[in-house]
Amino acid sequence: MRLAQSLALENALVQADCIEATEFPDLSSRFRVYAVPKTVINGSGSIEGSLPEQFFLEEILKTLPTPEPCEPPQAT
C-alpha cells in the first residue's frame, strides 16, 4: 500500500487508492480480495502480500503493455 501511494505521489500518471476490504465487500468480491494487502493494477493484474520495492516494481511492469518499437526518423 505504501509503495503504491509513493509511486502515485511521484508520478501523475499513477493513481493509488486504499480501501478497507471489510468495509467494502462489493469491491472485495469484485477484485477477489482474500488476503491483504492486495494491489490491483489497472483492474486486471494484482499483487498479493507485501513485497520488497524491487519485486513490487517488477510485478507492476509485468502487467503493463509492451510498448511498440519506434522507428528512427528517415533522413530527408
PDB file of N, CA and C in Angstrom:
ATOM      1  N   MET A   1       0.831  -1.177   0.000  1.00  0.00           N
ATOM      2  CA  MET A   1       0.000   0.000   0.000  1.00  0.00           C
ATOM      3  C   MET A   1       0.881   1.247   0.000  1.00  0.00           C
ATOM      4  N   ARG A   2       1.871   1.271   0.855  1.00  0.00           N
ATOM      5  CA  ARG A   2       2.733   2.461   0.907  1.00  0.00           C
ATOM      6  C   ARG A   2       3.523   2.648  -0.373  1.00  0.00           C
ATOM      7  N   LEU A   3       3.990   1.544  -0.959  1.00  0.00           N
ATOM      8  CA  LEU A   3       4.741   1.670  -2.206  1.00  0.00           C
ATOM      9  C   LEU A   3       3.864   2.221  -3.324  1.00  0.00           C
ATOM     10  N   ALA A   4       2.650   1.723  -3.437  1.00  0.00           N
ATOM     11  CA  ALA A   4       1.737   2.214  -4.476  1.00  0.00           C
ATOM     12  C   ALA A   4       1.451   3.693  -4.277  1.00  0.00           C
ATOM     13  N   GLN A   5       1.224   4.097  -3.051  1.00  0.00           N
ATOM     14  CA  GLN A   5       0.951   5.505  -2.785  1.00  0.00           C
ATOM     15  C   GLN A   5       2.186   6.365  -3.027  1.00  0.00           C
ATOM     16  N   SER A   6       3.346   5.839  -2.730  1.00  0.00           N
ATOM     17  CA  SER A   6       4.583   6.578  -3.007  1.00  0.00           C
ATOM     18  C   SER A   6       4.761   6.786  -4.506  1.00  0.00           C
ATOM     19  N   LEU A   7       4.465   5.741  -5.294  1.00  0.00           N
ATOM     20  CA  LEU A   7       4.556   5.873  -6.750  1.00  0.00           C
ATOM     21  C   LEU A   7       3.586   6.931  -7.252  1.00  0.00           C
ATOM     22  N   ALA A   8       2.384   6.953  -6.707  1.00  0.00           N
ATOM     23  CA  ALA A   8       1.386   7.934  -7.125  1.00  0.00           C
ATOM     24  C   ALA A   8       1.817   9.363  -6.788  1.00  0.00           C
ATOM     25  N   LEU A   9       2.498   9.525  -5.673  1.00  0.00           N
ATOM     26  CA  LEU A   9       2.986  10.859  -5.305  1.00  0.00           C
ATOM     27  C   LEU A   9       4.087  11.333  -6.243  1.00  0.00           C
ATOM     28  N   GLU A  10       4.860  10.391  -6.758  1.00  0.00           N
ATOM     29  CA  GLU A  10       5.996  10.728  -7.616  1.00  0.00           C
ATOM     30  C   GLU A  10       5.624  10.904  -9.079  1.00  0.00           C
ATOM     31  N   ASN A  11       4.491  10.310  -9.502  1.00  0.00           N
ATOM     32  CA  ASN A  11       4.153  10.312 -10.916  1.00  0.00           C
ATOM     33  C   ASN A  11       2.660  10.575 -11.080  1.00  0.00           C
ATOM     34  N   ALA A  12       2.324  11.609 -11.804  1.00  0.00           N
ATOM     35  CA  ALA A  12       0.921  11.977 -12.002  1.00  0.00           C
ATOM     36  C   ALA A  12       0.153  10.946 -12.818  1.00  0.00           C
ATOM     37  N   LEU A  13       0.844  10.047 -13.522  1.00  0.00           N
ATOM     38  CA  LEU A  13       0.177   9.020 -14.311  1.00  0.00           C
ATOM     39  C   LEU A  13      -0.238   7.819 -13.465  1.00  0.00           C
ATOM     40  N   VAL A  14       0.171   7.809 -12.208  1.00  0.00           N
ATOM     41  CA  VAL A  14      -0.138   6.701 -11.303  1.00  0.00           C
ATOM     42  C   VAL A  14      -1.190   7.154 -10.303  1.00  0.00           C
ATOM     43  N   GLN A  15      -2.212   6.337 -10.125  1.00  0.00           N
ATOM     44  CA  GLN A  15      -3.251   6.622  -9.136  1.00  0.00           C
ATOM     45  C   GLN A  15      -3.284   5.476  -8.145  1.00  0.00           C
ATOM     46  N   ALA A  16      -3.337   5.782  -6.872  1.00  0.00           N
ATOM     47  CA  ALA A  16      -3.397   4.754  -5.840  1.00  0.00           C
ATOM     48  C   ALA A  16      -4.525   5.085  -4.867  1.00  0.00           C
ATOM     49  N   ASP A  17      -5.403   4.122  -4.653  1.00  0.00           N
ATOM     50  CA  ASP A  17      -6.485   4.254  -3.685  1.00  0.00           C
ATOM     51  C   ASP A  17      -6.367   3.100  -2.706  1.00  0.00           C
ATOM     52  N   CYS A  18      -6.636   3.381  -1.469  1.00  0.00           N
ATOM     53  CA  CYS A  18      -6.573   2.367  -0.424  1.00  0.00           C
ATOM     54  C   CYS A  18      -7.963   2.215   0.175  1.00  0.00           C
ATOM     55  N   ILE A  19      -8.433   0.971   0.260  1.00  0.00           N
ATOM     56  CA  ILE A  19      -9.737   0.747   0.877  1.00  0.00           C
ATOM     57  C   ILE A  19      -9.616  -0.316   1.955  1.00  0.00           C
ATOM     58  N   GLU A  20     -10.533  -0.296   2.881  1.00  0.00           N
ATOM     59  CA  GLU A  20     -10.628  -1.324   3.918  1.00  0.00           C
ATOM     60  C   GLU A  20     -11.521  -2.430   3.365  1.00  0.00           C
ATOM     61  N   ALA A  21     -10.945  -3.604   3.132  1.00  0.00           N
ATOM     62  CA  ALA A  21     -11.661  -4.697   2.468  1.00  0.00           C
ATOM     63  C   ALA A  21     -12.947  -5.087   3.191  1.00  0.00           C
ATOM     64  N   THR A  22     -12.946  -5.069   4.515  1.00  0.00           N
ATOM     65  CA  THR A  22     -14.143  -5.483   5.252  1.00  0.00           C
ATOM     66  C   THR A  22     -15.257  -4.444   5.192  1.00  0.00           C
ATOM     67  N   GLU A  23     -14.900  -3.200   4.897  1.00  0.00           N
ATOM     68  CA  GLU A  23     -15.908  -2.139   4.806  1.00  0.00           C
ATOM     69  C   GLU A  23     -16.504  -2.008   3.407  1.00  0.00           C
ATOM     70  N   PHE A  24     -15.864  -2.612   2.427  1.00  0.00           N
ATOM     71  CA  PHE A  24     -16.336  -2.549   1.046  1.00  0.00           C
ATOM     72  C   PHE A  24     -16.407  -3.964   0.466  1.00  0.00           C
ATOM     73  N   PRO A  25     -17.356  -4.775   0.937  1.00  0.00           N
ATOM     74  CA  PRO A  25     -17.422  -6.166   0.484  1.00  0.00           C
ATOM     75  C   PRO A  25     -17.664  -6.313  -1.017  1.00  0.00           C
ATOM     76  N   ASP A  26     -18.364  -5.358  -1.628  1.00  0.00           N
ATOM     77  CA  ASP A  26     -18.587  -5.444  -3.076  1.00  0.00           C
ATOM     78  C   ASP A  26     -17.270  -5.342  -3.844  1.00  0.00           C
ATOM     79  N   LEU A  27     -16.423  -4.385  -3.442  1.00  0.00           N
ATOM     80  CA  LEU A  27     -15.112  -4.259  -4.091  1.00  0.00           C
ATOM     81  C   LEU A  27     -14.229  -5.463  -3.781  1.00  0.00           C
ATOM     82  N   SER A  28     -14.290  -5.942  -2.555  1.00  0.00           N
ATOM     83  CA  SER A  28     -13.501  -7.118  -2.177  1.00  0.00           C
ATOM     84  C   SER A  28     -13.879  -8.315  -3.033  1.00  0.00           C
ATOM     85  N   SER A  29     -15.160  -8.471  -3.273  1.00  0.00           N
ATOM     86  CA  SER A  29     -15.631  -9.573  -4.112  1.00  0.00           C
ATOM     87  C   SER A  29     -15.235  -9.358  -5.568  1.00  0.00           C
ATOM     88  N   ARG A  30     -15.427  -8.147  -6.046  1.00  0.00           N
ATOM     89  CA  ARG A  30     -15.116  -7.824  -7.452  1.00  0.00           C
ATOM     90  C   ARG A  30     -13.659  -8.093  -7.782  1.00  0.00           C
ATOM     91  N   PHE A  31     -12.759  -7.721  -6.865  1.00  0.00           N
ATOM     92  CA  PHE A  31     -11.326  -7.887  -7.110  1.00  0.00           C
ATOM     93  C   PHE A  31     -10.745  -9.128  -6.428  1.00  0.00           C
ATOM     94  N   ARG A  32     -11.629  -9.983  -5.912  1.00  0.00           N
ATOM     95  CA  ARG A  32     -11.244 -11.254  -5.297  1.00  0.00           C
ATOM     96  C   ARG A  32     -10.177 -11.072  -4.219  1.00  0.00           C
ATOM     97  N   VAL A  33     -10.466 -10.220  -3.289  1.00  0.00           N
ATOM     98  CA  VAL A  33      -9.543  -9.972  -2.178  1.00  0.00           C
ATOM     99  C   VAL A  33      -9.748 -11.053  -1.121  1.00  0.00           C
ATOM    100  N   TYR A  34      -8.747 -11.919  -0.971  1.00  0.00           N
ATOM    101  CA  TYR A  34      -8.792 -12.984   0.030  1.00  0.00           C
ATOM    102  C   TYR A  34      -7.737 -12.779   1.103  1.00  0.00           C
ATOM    103  N   ALA A  35      -6.747 -11.954   0.784  1.00  0.00           N
ATOM    104  CA  ALA A  35      -5.676 -11.644   1.730  1.00  0.00           C
ATOM    105  C   ALA A  35      -5.298 -10.185   1.525  1.00  0.00           C
ATOM    106  N   VAL A  36      -4.785  -9.590   2.550  1.00  0.00           N
ATOM    107  CA  VAL A  36      -4.358  -8.192   2.441  1.00  0.00           C
ATOM    108  C   VAL A  36      -2.897  -8.080   2.854  1.00  0.00           C
ATOM    109  N   PRO A  37      -2.140  -7.179   2.306  1.00  0.00           N
ATOM    110  CA  PRO A  37      -2.555  -6.223   1.283  1.00  0.00           C
ATOM    111  C   PRO A  37      -2.673  -6.881  -0.091  1.00  0.00           C
ATOM    112  N   LYS A  38      -3.541  -6.337  -0.907  1.00  0.00           N
ATOM    113  CA  LYS A  38      -3.671  -6.741  -2.302  1.00  0.00           C
ATOM    114  C   LYS A  38      -3.641  -5.480  -3.135  1.00  0.00           C
ATOM    115  N   THR A  39      -2.765  -5.460  -4.099  1.00  0.00           N
ATOM    116  CA  THR A  39      -2.644  -4.323  -5.011  1.00  0.00           C
ATOM    117  C   THR A  39      -3.222  -4.739  -6.351  1.00  0.00           C
ATOM    118  N   VAL A  40      -4.216  -4.013  -6.826  1.00  0.00           N
ATOM    119  CA  VAL A  40      -4.831  -4.281  -8.120  1.00  0.00           C
ATOM    120  C   VAL A  40      -4.262  -3.274  -9.108  1.00  0.00           C
ATOM    121  N   ILE A  41      -3.806  -3.779 -10.241  1.00  0.00           N
ATOM    122  CA  ILE A  41      -3.145  -2.932 -11.233  1.00  0.00           C
ATOM    123  C   ILE A  41      -4.008  -2.857 -12.485  1.00  0.00           C
ATOM    124  N   ASN A  42      -4.485  -1.667 -12.790  1.00  0.00           N
ATOM    125  CA  ASN A  42      -5.315  -1.413 -13.981  1.00  0.00           C
ATOM    126  C   ASN A  42      -6.525  -2.338 -14.061  1.00  0.00           C
ATOM    127  N   GLY A  43      -7.018  -2.794 -12.935  1.00  0.00           N
ATOM    128  CA  GLY A  43      -8.209  -3.619 -12.910  1.00  0.00           C
ATOM    129  C   GLY A  43      -8.011  -5.043 -13.371  1.00  0.00           C
ATOM    130  N   SER A  44      -6.812  -5.392 -13.825  1.00  0.00           N
ATOM    131  CA  SER A  44      -6.609  -6.740 -14.342  1.00  0.00           C
ATOM    132  C   SER A  44      -5.518  -7.511 -13.600  1.00  0.00           C
ATOM    133  N   GLY A  45      -4.376  -6.909 -13.406  1.00  0.00           N
ATOM    134  CA  GLY A  45      -3.296  -7.575 -12.690  1.00  0.00           C
ATOM    135  C   GLY A  45      -3.381  -7.302 -11.206  1.00  0.00           C
ATOM    136  N   SER A  46      -2.719  -8.128 -10.418  1.00  0.00           N
ATOM    137  CA  SER A  46      -2.731  -7.889  -8.974  1.00  0.00           C
ATOM    138  C   SER A  46      -1.504  -8.494  -8.314  1.00  0.00           C
ATOM    139  N   ILE A  47      -1.215  -7.976  -7.131  1.00  0.00           N
ATOM    140  CA  ILE A  47      -0.123  -8.451  -6.287  1.00  0.00           C
ATOM    141  C   ILE A  47      -0.715  -8.698  -4.916  1.00  0.00           C
ATOM    142  N   GLU A  48      -0.507  -9.901  -4.387  1.00  0.00           N
ATOM    143  CA  GLU A  48      -0.996 -10.198  -3.038  1.00  0.00           C
ATOM    144  C   GLU A  48       0.181 -10.251  -2.088  1.00  0.00           C
ATOM    145  N   GLY A  49      -0.006  -9.624  -0.946  1.00  0.00           N
ATOM    146  CA  GLY A  49       1.037  -9.621   0.073  1.00  0.00           C
ATOM    147  C   GLY A  49       1.946  -8.425  -0.060  1.00  0.00           C
ATOM    148  N   SER A  50       2.830  -8.318   0.882  1.00  0.00           N
ATOM    149  CA  SER A  50       3.783  -7.220   0.913  1.00  0.00           C
ATOM    150  C   SER A  50       5.088  -7.686   0.268  1.00  0.00           C
ATOM    151  N   LEU A  51       5.585  -6.912  -0.670  1.00  0.00           N
ATOM    152  CA  LEU A  51       6.811  -7.273  -1.376  1.00  0.00           C
ATOM    153  C   LEU A  51       7.852  -6.182  -1.202  1.00  0.00           C
ATOM    154  N   PRO A  52       9.133  -6.552  -1.270  1.00  0.00           N
ATOM    155  CA  PRO A  52      10.168  -5.522  -1.318  1.00  0.00           C
ATOM    156  C   PRO A  52       9.979  -4.662  -2.573  1.00  0.00           C
ATOM    157  N   GLU A  53      10.433  -3.434  -2.518  1.00  0.00           N
ATOM    158  CA  GLU A  53      10.190  -2.474  -3.589  1.00  0.00           C
ATOM    159  C   GLU A  53      10.579  -2.997  -4.968  1.00  0.00           C
ATOM    160  N   GLN A  54      11.745  -3.609  -5.108  1.00  0.00           N
ATOM    161  CA  GLN A  54      12.201  -4.086  -6.416  1.00  0.00           C
ATOM    162  C   GLN A  54      11.237  -5.117  -7.000  1.00  0.00           C
ATOM    163  N   PHE A  55      10.793  -6.060  -6.187  1.00  0.00           N
ATOM    164  CA  PHE A  55       9.857  -7.084  -6.658  1.00  0.00           C
ATOM    165  C   PHE A  55       8.498  -6.471  -6.978  1.00  0.00           C
ATOM    166  N   PHE A  56       8.078  -5.510  -6.175  1.00  0.00           N
ATOM    167  CA  PHE A  56       6.811  -4.817  -6.405  1.00  0.00           C
ATOM    168  C   PHE A  56       6.830  -4.135  -7.775  1.00  0.00           C
ATOM    169  N   LEU A  57       7.905  -3.408  -8.053  1.00  0.00           N
ATOM    170  CA  LEU A  57       8.028  -2.719  -9.342  1.00  0.00           C
ATOM    171  C   LEU A  57       8.073  -3.705 -10.497  1.00  0.00           C
ATOM    172  N   GLU A  58       8.787  -4.820 -10.336  1.00  0.00           N
ATOM    173  CA  GLU A  58       8.855  -5.829 -11.387  1.00  0.00           C
ATOM    174  C   GLU A  58       7.470  -6.395 -11.693  1.00  0.00           C
ATOM    175  N   GLU A  59       6.685  -6.640 -10.657  1.00  0.00           N
ATOM    176  CA  GLU A  59       5.336  -7.174 -10.858  1.00  0.00           C
ATOM    177  C   GLU A  59       4.439  -6.163 -11.567  1.00  0.00           C
ATOM    178  N   ILE A  60       4.573  -4.901 -11.222  1.00  0.00           N
ATOM    179  CA  ILE A  60       3.797  -3.864 -11.902  1.00  0.00           C
ATOM    180  C   ILE A  60       4.190  -3.793 -13.372  1.00  0.00           C
ATOM    181  N   LEU A  61       5.481  -3.806 -13.652  1.00  0.00           N
ATOM    182  CA  LEU A  61       5.945  -3.718 -15.040  1.00  0.00           C
ATOM    183  C   LEU A  61       5.466  -4.897 -15.873  1.00  0.00           C
ATOM    184  N   LYS A  62       5.317  -6.067 -15.266  1.00  0.00           N
ATOM    185  CA  LYS A  62       4.828  -7.242 -15.995  1.00  0.00           C
ATOM    186  C   LYS A  62       3.397  -7.047 -16.484  1.00  0.00           C
ATOM    187  N   THR A  63       2.616  -6.241 -15.798  1.00  0.00           N
ATOM    188  CA  THR A  63       1.208  -6.062 -16.165  1.00  0.00           C
ATOM    189  C   THR A  63       1.015  -4.983 -17.224  1.00  0.00           C
ATOM    190  N   LEU A  64       2.020  -4.178 -17.458  1.00  0.00           N
ATOM    191  CA  LEU A  64       1.878  -3.084 -18.417  1.00  0.00           C
ATOM    192  C   LEU A  64       2.046  -3.589 -19.841  1.00  0.00           C
ATOM    193  N   PRO A  65       1.351  -2.981 -20.793  1.00  0.00           N
ATOM    194  CA  PRO A  65       1.519  -3.403 -22.186  1.00  0.00           C
ATOM    195  C   PRO A  65       2.926  -3.089 -22.666  1.00  0.00           C
ATOM    196  N   THR A  66       3.425  -3.932 -23.538  1.00  0.00           N
ATOM    197  CA  THR A  66       4.749  -3.726 -24.103  1.00  0.00           C
ATOM    198  C   THR A  66       4.659  -2.622 -25.148  1.00  0.00           C
ATOM    199  N   PRO A  67       5.489  -1.594 -25.003  1.00  0.00           N
ATOM    200  CA  PRO A  67       5.421  -0.508 -25.995  1.00  0.00           C
ATOM    201  C   PRO A  67       5.902  -1.000 -27.362  1.00  0.00           C
ATOM    202  N   GLU A  68       5.294  -0.454 -28.386  1.00  0.00           N
ATOM    203  CA  GLU A  68       5.726  -0.803 -29.740  1.00  0.00           C
ATOM    204  C   GLU A  68       7.044  -0.099 -30.026  1.00  0.00           C
ATOM    205  N   PRO A  69       7.951  -0.795 -30.730  1.00  0.00           N
ATOM    206  CA  PRO A  69       9.231  -0.163 -31.039  1.00  0.00           C
ATOM    207  C   PRO A  69       9.045   1.046 -31.956  1.00  0.00           C
ATOM    208  N   CYS A  70       9.822   2.053 -31.709  1.00  0.00           N
ATOM    209  CA  CYS A  70       9.763   3.270 -32.524  1.00  0.00           C
ATOM    210  C   CYS A  70      10.722   3.122 -33.699  1.00  0.00           C
ATOM    211  N   GLU A  71      10.292   3.597 -34.843  1.00  0.00           N
ATOM    212  CA  GLU A  71      11.176   3.583 -35.994  1.00  0.00           C
ATOM    213  C   GLU A  71      11.962   4.886 -35.995  1.00  0.00           C
ATOM    214  N   PRO A  72      13.239   4.786 -36.313  1.00  0.00           N
ATOM    215  CA  PRO A  72      14.032   6.027 -36.355  1.00  0.00           C
ATOM    216  C   PRO A  72      13.543   6.934 -37.481  1.00  0.00           C
ATOM    217  N   PRO A  73      13.677   8.231 -37.285  1.00  0.00           N
ATOM    218  CA  PRO A  73      13.250   9.155 -38.351  1.00  0.00           C
ATOM    219  C   PRO A  73      14.074   8.921 -39.621  1.00  0.00           C
ATOM    220  N   GLN A  74      13.413   9.061 -40.755  1.00  0.00           N
ATOM    221  CA  GLN A  74      14.114   8.880 -42.030  1.00  0.00           C
ATOM    222  C   GLN A  74      14.775  10.185 -42.443  1.00  0.00           C
ATOM    223  N   ALA A  75      15.963  10.045 -42.978  1.00  0.00           N
ATOM    224  CA  ALA A  75      16.702  11.219 -43.444  1.00  0.00           C
ATOM    225  C   ALA A  75      16.013  11.780 -44.669  1.00  0.00           C
ATOM    226  N   THR A  76      16.010  13.097 -44.768  1.00  0.00           N
ATOM    227  CA  THR A  76      15.390  13.740 -45.928  1.00  0.00           C
ATOM    228  C   THR A  76      16.415  14.351 -46.812  1.00  0.00           C
TER     229      THR A  76
END
